[in-house]
Amino acid sequence: MGSTETNRAPRILRVDVMPLDCGETAVVVELASPPGRAWEKALKRVISETEGLESAQSRCDGRFVYIIGIEPGGRGTLHRVNQVLAATHERVAPRNGHSMPMPQQPAGAMVNASL
């Protein structure tokens, strides 16, 4: 279970924040590659521990991560999600003294917040 496949932190390509018809907010994160299992578990833990996102849930589907159940009207949703993604990366980074670079958005990467 300590393989590179299960511990890697994928690079983030795009983050979209959008309101849903049911009154909640959803976030879609596009990754450069499918995340490892450890990254998915770390994301779920970080979301449950983040103020304002306690009731949100995440689901990974290939290179896409869907975060739903975010309370509407909450300011700073994009900022909180970016903090969650950074904290998730930190949890799966190797602990052998070598730090992995933080996931950076490449030049031209898009962040779309329609709220």
C-alpha atoms as a PDB file:
ATOM      1  CA  MET A   1       0.000   0.000   0.000  1.00  0.00           C
ATOM      2  CA  GLY A   2       3.019   2.272   0.192  1.00  0.00           C
ATOM      3  CA  SER A   3       3.361   2.371  -3.569  1.00  0.00           C
ATOM      4  CA  THR A   4       3.748   5.506  -5.624  1.00  0.00           C
ATOM      5  CA  GLU A   5       0.331   4.807  -7.119  1.00  0.00           C
ATOM      6  CA  THR A   6      -1.510   5.026  -3.805  1.00  0.00           C
ATOM      7  CA  ASN A   7       0.498   7.923  -2.344  1.00  0.00           C
ATOM      8  CA  ARG A   8       0.849  10.372  -5.185  1.00  0.00           C
ATOM      9  CA  ALA A   9      -0.625  13.856  -5.056  1.00  0.00           C
ATOM     10  CA  PRO A  10      -1.945  14.815  -8.499  1.00  0.00           C
ATOM     11  CA  ARG A  11      -1.412  18.227 -10.070  1.00  0.00           C
ATOM     12  CA  ILE A  12      -4.513  20.448 -10.163  1.00  0.00           C
ATOM     13  CA  LEU A  13      -5.531  21.720 -13.575  1.00  0.00           C
ATOM     14  CA  ARG A  14      -8.797  23.539 -12.885  1.00  0.00           C
ATOM     15  CA  VAL A  15     -11.242  24.334 -10.092  1.00  0.00           C
ATOM     16  CA  ASP A  16     -14.854  25.331 -10.838  1.00  0.00           C
ATOM     17  CA  VAL A  17     -17.307  26.553  -8.188  1.00  0.00           C
ATOM     18  CA  MET A  18     -20.970  26.618  -9.163  1.00  0.00           C
ATOM     19  CA  PRO A  19     -24.401  26.893  -7.538  1.00  0.00           C
ATOM     20  CA  LEU A  20     -26.755  23.928  -7.856  1.00  0.00           C
ATOM     21  CA  ASP A  21     -30.505  24.090  -8.431  1.00  0.00           C
ATOM     22  CA  CYS A  22     -31.096  22.483  -5.020  1.00  0.00           C
ATOM     23  CA  GLY A  23     -29.561  25.541  -3.326  1.00  0.00           C
ATOM     24  CA  GLU A  24     -26.172  24.051  -2.506  1.00  0.00           C
ATOM     25  CA  THR A  25     -22.806  24.813  -4.026  1.00  0.00           C
ATOM     26  CA  ALA A  26     -20.652  22.293  -5.882  1.00  0.00           C
ATOM     27  CA  VAL A  27     -16.960  22.332  -6.676  1.00  0.00           C
ATOM     28  CA  VAL A  28     -15.395  20.383  -9.536  1.00  0.00           C
ATOM     29  CA  VAL A  29     -11.626  19.878  -9.477  1.00  0.00           C
ATOM     30  CA  GLU A  30      -9.887  18.606 -12.605  1.00  0.00           C
ATOM     31  CA  LEU A  31      -6.620  16.791 -11.928  1.00  0.00           C
ATOM     32  CA  ALA A  32      -3.755  15.995 -14.300  1.00  0.00           C
ATOM     33  CA  SER A  33      -4.031  12.319 -13.353  1.00  0.00           C
ATOM     34  CA  PRO A  34      -6.325  10.161 -11.248  1.00  0.00           C
ATOM     35  CA  PRO A  35      -5.494  10.512  -7.539  1.00  0.00           C
ATOM     36  CA  GLY A  36      -4.144   7.666  -5.460  1.00  0.00           C
ATOM     37  CA  ARG A  37      -6.264   6.016  -2.811  1.00  0.00           C
ATOM     38  CA  ALA A  38      -4.357   7.690   0.045  1.00  0.00           C
ATOM     39  CA  TRP A  39      -5.035  11.096  -1.517  1.00  0.00           C
ATOM     40  CA  GLU A  40      -8.768  10.371  -1.782  1.00  0.00           C
ATOM     41  CA  LYS A  41      -8.933   9.303   1.877  1.00  0.00           C
ATOM     42  CA  ALA A  42      -6.912  12.329   2.999  1.00  0.00           C
ATOM     43  CA  LEU A  43      -9.254  14.631   1.052  1.00  0.00           C
ATOM     44  CA  LYS A  44     -12.312  13.189   2.791  1.00  0.00           C
ATOM     45  CA  ARG A  45     -10.669  13.642   6.212  1.00  0.00           C
ATOM     46  CA  VAL A  46      -9.573  17.214   5.526  1.00  0.00           C
ATOM     47  CA  ILE A  47     -13.037  18.182   4.237  1.00  0.00           C
ATOM     48  CA  SER A  48     -14.710  16.794   7.366  1.00  0.00           C
ATOM     49  CA  GLU A  49     -12.280  18.784   9.547  1.00  0.00           C
ATOM     50  CA  THR A  50     -12.628  22.095   7.662  1.00  0.00           C
ATOM     51  CA  GLU A  51     -14.898  24.772   9.102  1.00  0.00           C
ATOM     52  CA  GLY A  52     -17.795  25.424   6.761  1.00  0.00           C
ATOM     53  CA  LEU A  53     -17.304  22.180   4.857  1.00  0.00           C
ATOM     54  CA  GLU A  54     -18.164  19.655   7.576  1.00  0.00           C
ATOM     55  CA  SER A  55     -21.342  18.578   5.774  1.00  0.00           C
ATOM     56  CA  ALA A  56     -19.728  18.476   2.317  1.00  0.00           C
ATOM     57  CA  GLN A  57     -18.785  15.206   0.631  1.00  0.00           C
ATOM     58  CA  SER A  58     -16.245  14.416  -2.047  1.00  0.00           C
ATOM     59  CA  ARG A  59     -16.295  11.856  -4.816  1.00  0.00           C
ATOM     60  CA  CYS A  60     -13.435  11.041  -7.153  1.00  0.00           C
ATOM     61  CA  ASP A  61     -14.237   9.903 -10.668  1.00  0.00           C
ATOM     62  CA  GLY A  62     -11.078   9.403 -12.698  1.00  0.00           C
ATOM     63  CA  ARG A  63      -9.344  12.765 -13.012  1.00  0.00           C
ATOM     64  CA  PHE A  64     -12.292  14.696 -11.580  1.00  0.00           C
ATOM     65  CA  VAL A  65     -13.147  15.366  -7.945  1.00  0.00           C
ATOM     66  CA  TYR A  66     -16.655  16.517  -7.062  1.00  0.00           C
ATOM     67  CA  ILE A  67     -17.279  18.248  -3.745  1.00  0.00           C
ATOM     68  CA  ILE A  68     -20.976  18.685  -3.016  1.00  0.00           C
ATOM     69  CA  GLY A  69     -23.066  19.717  -0.058  1.00  0.00           C
ATOM     70  CA  ILE A  70     -21.383  23.081   0.504  1.00  0.00           C
ATOM     71  CA  GLU A  71     -23.664  25.570   2.219  1.00  0.00           C
ATOM     72  CA  PRO A  72     -24.848  28.295  -0.170  1.00  0.00           C
ATOM     73  CA  GLY A  73     -23.852  31.896   0.331  1.00  0.00           C
ATOM     74  CA  GLY A  74     -20.675  30.993   2.171  1.00  0.00           C
ATOM     75  CA  ARG A  75     -17.991  33.515   1.338  1.00  0.00           C
ATOM     76  CA  GLY A  76     -14.574  32.274   0.435  1.00  0.00           C
ATOM     77  CA  THR A  77     -15.648  28.894  -0.911  1.00  0.00           C
ATOM     78  CA  LEU A  78     -12.864  28.861  -3.485  1.00  0.00           C
ATOM     79  CA  HIS A  79     -10.309  29.876  -0.865  1.00  0.00           C
ATOM     80  CA  ARG A  80     -11.450  27.113   1.526  1.00  0.00           C
ATOM     81  CA  VAL A  81     -11.336  24.509  -1.239  1.00  0.00           C
ATOM     82  CA  ASN A  82      -7.811  25.596  -2.209  1.00  0.00           C
ATOM     83  CA  GLN A  83      -6.766  25.266   1.454  1.00  0.00           C
ATOM     84  CA  VAL A  84      -8.348  21.794   1.576  1.00  0.00           C
ATOM     85  CA  LEU A  85      -6.438  20.723  -1.534  1.00  0.00           C
ATOM     86  CA  ALA A  86      -3.142  22.034  -0.114  1.00  0.00           C
ATOM     87  CA  ALA A  87      -3.756  20.285   3.235  1.00  0.00           C
ATOM     88  CA  THR A  88      -4.601  17.060   1.411  1.00  0.00           C
ATOM     89  CA  HIS A  89      -1.328  17.257  -0.491  1.00  0.00           C
ATOM     90  CA  GLU A  90       0.592  17.776   2.756  1.00  0.00           C
ATOM     91  CA  ARG A  91      -0.989  14.670   4.286  1.00  0.00           C
ATOM     92  CA  VAL A  92       0.105  12.392   1.468  1.00  0.00           C
ATOM     93  CA  ALA A  93       3.559  13.915   0.884  1.00  0.00           C
ATOM     94  CA  PRO A  94       6.359  11.521   1.762  1.00  0.00           C
ATOM     95  CA  ARG A  95       7.745  11.831   5.277  1.00  0.00           C
ATOM     96  CA  ASN A  96      11.308  10.893   4.366  1.00  0.00           C
ATOM     97  CA  GLY A  97      12.650  14.437   4.566  1.00  0.00           C
ATOM     98  CA  HIS A  98      12.268  15.096   0.856  1.00  0.00           C
ATOM     99  CA  SER A  99       9.484  17.517   0.201  1.00  0.00           C
ATOM    100  CA  MET A 100       7.362  17.256  -2.890  1.00  0.00           C
ATOM    101  CA  PRO A 101       6.454  20.490  -4.660  1.00  0.00           C
ATOM    102  CA  MET A 102       2.993  21.829  -3.920  1.00  0.00           C
ATOM    103  CA  PRO A 103       0.514  21.197  -6.714  1.00  0.00           C
ATOM    104  CA  GLN A 104       0.805  24.232  -8.952  1.00  0.00           C
ATOM    105  CA  GLN A 105      -1.544  25.295 -11.651  1.00  0.00           C
ATOM    106  CA  PRO A 106       0.287  25.485 -14.958  1.00  0.00           C
ATOM    107  CA  ALA A 107       0.307  28.680 -16.966  1.00  0.00           C
ATOM    108  CA  GLY A 108      -3.093  28.981 -18.554  1.00  0.00           C
ATOM    109  CA  ALA A 109      -4.859  26.826 -15.956  1.00  0.00           C
ATOM    110  CA  MET A 110      -8.335  28.014 -15.227  1.00  0.00           C
ATOM    111  CA  VAL A 111     -10.093  28.769 -11.978  1.00  0.00           C
ATOM    112  CA  ASN A 112     -13.754  29.559 -12.397  1.00  0.00           C
ATOM    113  CA  ALA A 113     -15.865  30.822  -9.538  1.00  0.00           C
ATOM    114  CA  SER A 114     -19.356  31.722 -10.647  1.00  0.00           C
ATOM    115  CA  LEU A 115     -20.440  32.720  -7.156  1.00  0.00           C
END
